[in-house]
Every structure is written in structure tokens, then in C-alpha cells.
């Protein structure tokens, strides 16, 4: 068995996409799971697939914009699984469009579901990770935040850049407690990306030409397993960084 067997991960947005792929990759390493998602039926499906790999997997309905739901998710992980060692802040509402077209409500929902939810969950999990001797936190950014042409991506990019700043702060403040915090910037076969490709075919074709590896990342094999690797002690000296899992497309230098 692996060094991660028996660890406990809390994953948001676990009913589909990167959240589900990460859950299945972690289950394959013996990691027990608290699977949070807005639609209970979806996280129940993920929990069923994860359980077939021999781990405990608890699905909970959770709107990451609701602080009470976040607190209940962490409380459930602690009460039923024993704590939290890994936090995957994956859920995110995406406000796309020209600045004149994005409503205040959509922009606020992006912040509430992204950096504010990550901020809240990091603080909720912090004492439990410290009690267990450390942990690993993953927040999610996007190359949309560093595009050469920010038209229609300004609101989304602003949200993701805010998340990167929170990662750096948490890594600096909690490092002495052996809590590592990383930002992941993926390209993956998520429902959101598939929608974008279908609705922006010409831009998508040009986008694919900028990926050196020539393909989008697979949810479990490319993204989920990379997160598993980042949890291992082999990479235990890495924190505070933005890790692009995008086939070499973006330049975060």
C-alpha cells in the first residue's frame, strides 16, 4: 500500500469533472474521502465509484457559497472519518463575458464560490490539519488570469488571481505547522471546458494549437494523479507555488 493510505481528503465540486477525477485517483491510493457537491445525487455517484476501490467515501450536499454548509462538511469529515489531511478547493462558478455584460451578481457569485469559499475552508481545516501533524491544500487558478488578451476573461481572471494570493499567504503562515498550500492551474476534460469548446469552436481550435502536448488533460489520469503525487513526501518541500497542469501551454513566470 502507499504512504497515503488512511489519509483523509475533503474535495469540493466532487460530483463531476476535476473533483470527481481527483476523488477517484485518491481513492486508488487508499485515501478516505468527504465528497462535497451542490447536487447530492452526483456526489453519491462519485462516492459509489470511490467505495468500489476500498475506501470510505461520504457524500454531502454542499453549496460552497454557504458558510454553514462548509462548516458542516468539515464537521462531518472530522466526526465520521477522523479529520482532514488534504483539502481540494475545486468548486467554482465562472463569470465570463465583457465587463459591460457581467452582472454584479455573477461577479460576486464567482468570488463567493472561489476565493471566499477557499478562504473559509482553509481556515476551517487549518486546526484539524495542524492537530494531525500537517496537510496539503490545493486551490485552483487558471491561465485566464494571465492571458495576453483579457477581453471577456477579466472577471474570471481577477477571481483566480485572488486565489493565487491566498495560496501564497496560507503557505507562508502555516508552513511551520507542516501545512503545504499549492495552486493548481489545469486544462482538463471538465464539463465547463467542454461547454466552452462547443460554444467557441474557432477560439478553441486556436487554443489547442498553443498546447505543446497537443491535448487536454484527462481528469483522473493527468490531473487527479498529479494531485496525489503532490501529496507525497517526495514533493514535501514544495509549497506556495502555482503548478500548471496544462500540457505546457501557460507561462506563469
Protein backbone atom coordinates (compact mmCIF):
# COMPACT_ATOMS: atom_id res chain seq x y z
CA UNK A 1 0.00 0.00 0.00
CA UNK A 2 1.04 3.62 -0.43
CA UNK A 3 2.19 6.16 2.15
CA UNK A 4 -1.15 7.97 1.68
CA UNK A 5 -3.38 5.07 2.73
CA UNK A 6 -5.64 6.18 5.57
CA UNK A 7 -5.28 9.90 4.86
CA UNK A 8 -8.49 11.89 4.64
CA UNK A 9 -9.37 14.30 1.83
CA UNK A 10 -12.19 16.82 1.57
CA UNK A 11 -13.00 17.62 -2.06
CA UNK A 12 -15.48 20.25 -3.24
CA UNK A 13 -17.20 20.03 -6.59
CA UNK A 14 -16.72 16.28 -6.34
CA UNK A 15 -19.73 15.28 -8.41
CA UNK A 16 -18.10 15.78 -11.80
CA UNK A 17 -15.05 16.99 -13.67
CA UNK A 18 -11.76 17.55 -11.88
CA UNK A 19 -13.34 16.97 -8.47
CA UNK A 20 -14.55 13.52 -9.48
CA UNK A 21 -11.30 12.64 -11.25
CA UNK A 22 -9.30 13.66 -8.20
CA UNK A 23 -11.57 11.67 -5.90
CA UNK A 24 -11.09 8.50 -7.94
CA UNK A 25 -7.33 8.99 -8.15
CA UNK A 26 -7.11 9.49 -4.39
CA UNK A 27 -9.35 6.51 -3.70
CA UNK A 28 -6.93 4.41 -5.72
CA UNK A 29 -4.22 5.40 -3.20
CA UNK A 30 -6.29 4.38 -0.18
CA UNK A 31 -7.33 7.93 0.79
CA UNK A 32 -10.71 8.22 2.53
CA UNK A 33 -12.98 10.93 1.14
CA UNK A 34 -15.51 13.55 2.15
CA UNK A 35 -17.13 14.42 -1.17
CA UNK A 36 -18.97 17.75 -1.26
CA UNK A 37 -21.12 18.98 -4.11
CA UNK A 38 -24.14 21.11 -4.82
CA UNK A 39 -26.09 18.17 -6.30
CA UNK A 40 -26.24 15.27 -3.85
CA UNK A 41 -27.00 12.65 -6.50
CA UNK A 42 -23.78 13.49 -8.36
CA UNK A 43 -21.55 13.17 -5.32
CA UNK A 44 -23.34 9.97 -4.37
CA UNK A 45 -22.30 8.55 -7.75
CA UNK A 46 -18.70 9.59 -7.12
CA UNK A 47 -18.84 8.07 -3.63
CA UNK A 48 -20.10 4.79 -5.05
CA UNK A 49 -17.25 4.61 -7.57
CA UNK A 50 -14.68 5.54 -4.92
CA UNK A 51 -16.04 2.99 -2.45
CA UNK A 52 -15.50 0.27 -5.03
CA UNK A 53 -11.77 0.98 -4.65
CA UNK A 54 -11.98 0.01 -0.97
CA UNK A 55 -12.06 3.40 0.79
CA UNK A 56 -14.60 5.19 2.91
CA UNK A 57 -16.38 7.84 0.84
CA UNK A 58 -19.04 10.10 2.33
CA UNK A 59 -21.16 12.28 0.02
CA UNK A 60 -22.63 15.54 1.34
CA UNK A 61 -24.75 18.21 -0.30
CA UNK A 62 -22.81 21.46 -0.03
CA UNK A 63 -23.19 24.89 -1.59
CA UNK A 64 -19.72 26.38 -1.21
CA UNK A 65 -21.24 29.88 -1.08
CA UNK A 66 -22.96 28.94 2.18
CA UNK A 67 -20.61 29.16 5.20
CA UNK A 68 -22.85 26.86 7.21
CA UNK A 69 -22.61 24.16 4.54
CA UNK A 70 -18.82 24.46 4.56
CA UNK A 71 -18.67 24.14 8.33
CA UNK A 72 -20.95 21.08 8.24
CA UNK A 73 -18.77 19.42 5.59
CA UNK A 74 -15.65 19.82 7.73
CA UNK A 75 -17.50 18.69 10.85
CA UNK A 76 -18.68 15.57 9.03
CA UNK A 77 -15.16 14.76 7.85
CA UNK A 78 -13.86 15.09 11.40
CA UNK A 79 -16.71 13.22 13.09
CA UNK A 80 -17.06 10.32 10.63
CA UNK A 81 -13.60 9.97 9.12
CA UNK A 82 -11.33 11.35 11.84
CA UNK A 83 -10.07 14.66 10.47
CA UNK A 84 -8.77 16.33 7.32
CA UNK A 85 -5.31 15.83 5.79
CA UNK A 86 -5.97 17.04 2.25
CA UNK A 87 -8.26 19.85 1.08
CA UNK A 88 -9.15 20.23 -2.60
CA UNK A 89 -10.91 23.57 -3.22
CA UNK A 90 -12.22 22.70 -6.66
CA UNK A 91 -15.77 24.12 -6.88
CA UNK A 92 -16.13 27.42 -8.75
CA UNK A 93 -18.80 29.43 -10.56
CA UNK A 94 -17.31 31.11 -13.64
CA UNK A 95 -18.30 34.65 -14.68
CA UNK A 96 -17.30 35.08 -18.32
CA UNK A 97 -18.07 37.95 -20.68
CA UNK A 98 -17.25 41.54 -21.47
CA UNK A 99 -17.03 43.77 -18.40
CA UNK A 100 -20.14 45.64 -19.53
CA UNK A 101 -22.06 42.36 -19.72
CA UNK A 102 -21.09 40.66 -16.44
CA UNK A 103 -23.57 41.49 -13.68
CA UNK A 104 -22.59 42.37 -10.14
CA UNK A 105 -24.40 39.22 -9.04
CA UNK A 106 -22.39 36.96 -11.35
CA UNK A 107 -19.10 38.58 -10.33
CA UNK A 108 -19.98 38.27 -6.63
CA UNK A 109 -21.00 34.62 -7.10
CA UNK A 110 -17.62 33.94 -8.68
CA UNK A 111 -15.83 35.41 -5.66
CA UNK A 112 -18.10 33.68 -3.16
CA UNK A 113 -17.69 30.26 -4.76
CA UNK A 114 -13.98 30.73 -5.48
CA UNK A 115 -11.57 32.67 -3.26
CA UNK A 116 -14.04 33.31 -0.43
CA UNK A 117 -15.08 29.64 -0.22
CA UNK A 118 -11.43 28.57 -0.39
CA UNK A 119 -10.54 31.12 2.31
CA UNK A 120 -13.30 29.82 4.57
CA UNK A 121 -12.49 26.16 4.05
CA UNK A 122 -8.77 26.68 4.56
CA UNK A 123 -9.45 28.33 7.92
CA UNK A 124 -11.92 25.61 8.92
CA UNK A 125 -9.48 22.81 8.05
CA UNK A 126 -6.35 24.51 9.42
CA UNK A 127 -6.69 23.44 13.08
CA UNK A 128 -7.57 19.86 12.15
CA UNK A 129 -4.55 19.58 9.84
CA UNK A 130 -2.29 21.08 12.49
CA UNK A 131 -3.61 18.59 15.05
CA UNK A 132 -2.77 15.70 12.70
CA UNK A 133 0.77 16.94 12.06
CA UNK A 134 0.25 18.76 8.77
CA UNK A 135 -1.60 18.59 5.50
CA UNK A 136 -1.85 19.63 1.88
CA UNK A 137 -4.24 22.21 0.45
CA UNK A 138 -4.98 22.62 -3.25
CA UNK A 139 -6.58 25.77 -4.62
CA UNK A 140 -7.35 26.27 -8.29
CA UNK A 141 -6.34 29.05 -10.64
CA UNK A 142 -6.41 29.41 -14.41
CA UNK A 143 -4.24 30.69 -17.23
CA UNK A 144 -7.20 33.00 -17.89
CA UNK A 145 -5.66 35.22 -15.22
CA UNK A 146 -2.51 35.80 -17.29
CA UNK A 147 -3.92 35.87 -20.83
CA UNK A 148 -2.34 38.12 -23.43
CA UNK A 149 -5.88 39.28 -24.32
CA UNK A 150 -8.09 39.64 -21.24
CA UNK A 151 -11.23 40.61 -23.16
CA UNK A 152 -14.19 38.58 -21.78
CA UNK A 153 -11.91 36.99 -19.14
CA UNK A 154 -11.39 39.96 -16.80
CA UNK A 155 -13.81 38.93 -14.06
CA UNK A 156 -12.80 35.28 -14.11
CA UNK A 157 -9.11 36.16 -14.21
CA UNK A 158 -9.47 38.56 -11.28
CA UNK A 159 -11.08 35.82 -9.20
CA UNK A 160 -8.39 33.29 -9.99
CA UNK A 161 -5.56 35.73 -9.30
CA UNK A 162 -7.11 36.43 -5.90
CA UNK A 163 -6.99 32.70 -5.20
CA UNK A 164 -3.27 32.61 -6.01
CA UNK A 165 -2.64 35.37 -3.46
CA UNK A 166 -4.49 33.43 -0.77
CA UNK A 167 -2.39 30.36 -1.54
CA UNK A 168 0.84 32.29 -1.07
CA UNK A 169 -0.37 33.75 2.23
CA UNK A 170 -1.52 30.42 3.66
CA UNK A 171 1.73 28.74 2.62
CA UNK A 172 3.72 31.44 4.39
CA UNK A 173 1.61 31.48 7.55
CA UNK A 174 1.11 27.74 8.06
CA UNK A 175 4.34 26.25 6.74
CA UNK A 176 5.83 25.79 10.22
CA UNK A 177 2.86 23.54 11.01
CA UNK A 178 3.79 21.32 8.04
CA UNK A 179 0.79 22.51 6.05
CA UNK A 180 1.61 22.96 2.38
CA UNK A 181 -0.59 25.05 0.09
CA UNK A 182 -0.45 24.90 -3.69
CA UNK A 183 -2.33 26.46 -6.57
CA UNK A 184 -3.15 24.17 -9.50
CA UNK A 185 -3.81 25.65 -12.95
CA UNK A 186 -5.23 22.81 -15.06
CA UNK A 187 -6.59 22.22 -18.54
CA UNK A 188 -8.89 19.22 -18.17
CA UNK A 189 -11.82 17.49 -19.82
CA UNK A 190 -14.28 19.13 -17.44
CA UNK A 191 -17.92 19.92 -18.32
CA UNK A 192 -17.05 23.63 -18.20
CA UNK A 193 -14.25 23.33 -20.72
CA UNK A 194 -16.32 21.10 -22.98
CA UNK A 195 -19.08 23.75 -22.94
CA UNK A 196 -16.56 26.44 -23.83
CA UNK A 197 -15.17 24.39 -26.73
CA UNK A 198 -18.65 23.75 -28.11
CA UNK A 199 -19.62 27.41 -27.87
CA UNK A 200 -16.31 28.90 -29.05
CA UNK A 201 -15.10 26.47 -31.75
CA UNK A 202 -12.79 28.86 -33.60
CA UNK A 203 -11.15 30.17 -30.42
CA UNK A 204 -10.88 26.60 -29.11
CA UNK A 205 -9.11 25.43 -32.25
CA UNK A 206 -6.58 28.23 -31.93
CA UNK A 207 -6.23 27.45 -28.22
CA UNK A 208 -5.37 23.79 -28.85
CA UNK A 209 -2.57 24.83 -31.17
CA UNK A 210 -0.86 26.58 -28.23
CA UNK A 211 -0.65 23.39 -26.10
CA UNK A 212 2.76 21.75 -26.70
CA UNK A 213 1.48 18.29 -25.75
CA UNK A 214 -1.43 18.76 -28.13
CA UNK A 215 -4.27 17.59 -25.89
CA UNK A 216 -6.44 18.41 -22.89
CA UNK A 217 -5.67 16.70 -19.59
CA UNK A 218 -7.59 13.61 -18.54
CA UNK A 219 -9.50 14.09 -15.31
CA UNK A 220 -8.24 11.15 -13.26
CA UNK A 221 -5.05 10.15 -15.04
CA UNK A 222 -3.49 13.57 -15.66
CA UNK A 223 -5.00 15.87 -13.02
CA UNK A 224 -6.09 13.59 -10.18
CA UNK A 225 -2.91 11.52 -10.15
CA UNK A 226 -0.78 14.66 -10.26
CA UNK A 227 -2.50 15.90 -7.11
CA UNK A 228 -1.85 12.53 -5.49
CA UNK A 229 1.83 12.83 -6.35
CA UNK A 230 1.96 16.33 -4.87
CA UNK A 231 0.67 14.95 -1.56
CA UNK A 232 3.59 12.55 -1.19
CA UNK A 233 6.71 13.32 0.80
CA UNK A 234 8.80 13.15 -2.38
CA UNK A 235 7.39 16.61 -3.11
CA UNK A 236 7.13 17.66 0.52
CA UNK A 237 9.42 20.68 0.07
CA UNK A 238 7.10 22.32 -2.47
CA UNK A 239 4.64 24.94 -1.23
CA UNK A 240 3.24 28.32 -2.20
CA UNK A 241 3.68 27.64 -5.91
CA UNK A 242 1.35 27.71 -8.89
CA UNK A 243 1.62 24.34 -10.63
CA UNK A 244 0.36 24.38 -14.23
CA UNK A 245 -1.12 21.07 -15.36
CA UNK A 246 -1.83 22.26 -18.87
CA UNK A 247 0.42 20.41 -21.30
CA UNK A 248 2.92 23.29 -21.28
CA UNK A 249 0.55 25.98 -22.55
CA UNK A 250 0.76 28.73 -19.94
CA UNK A 251 3.74 30.74 -18.71
CA UNK A 252 3.34 31.70 -15.05
CA UNK A 253 6.89 33.10 -14.73
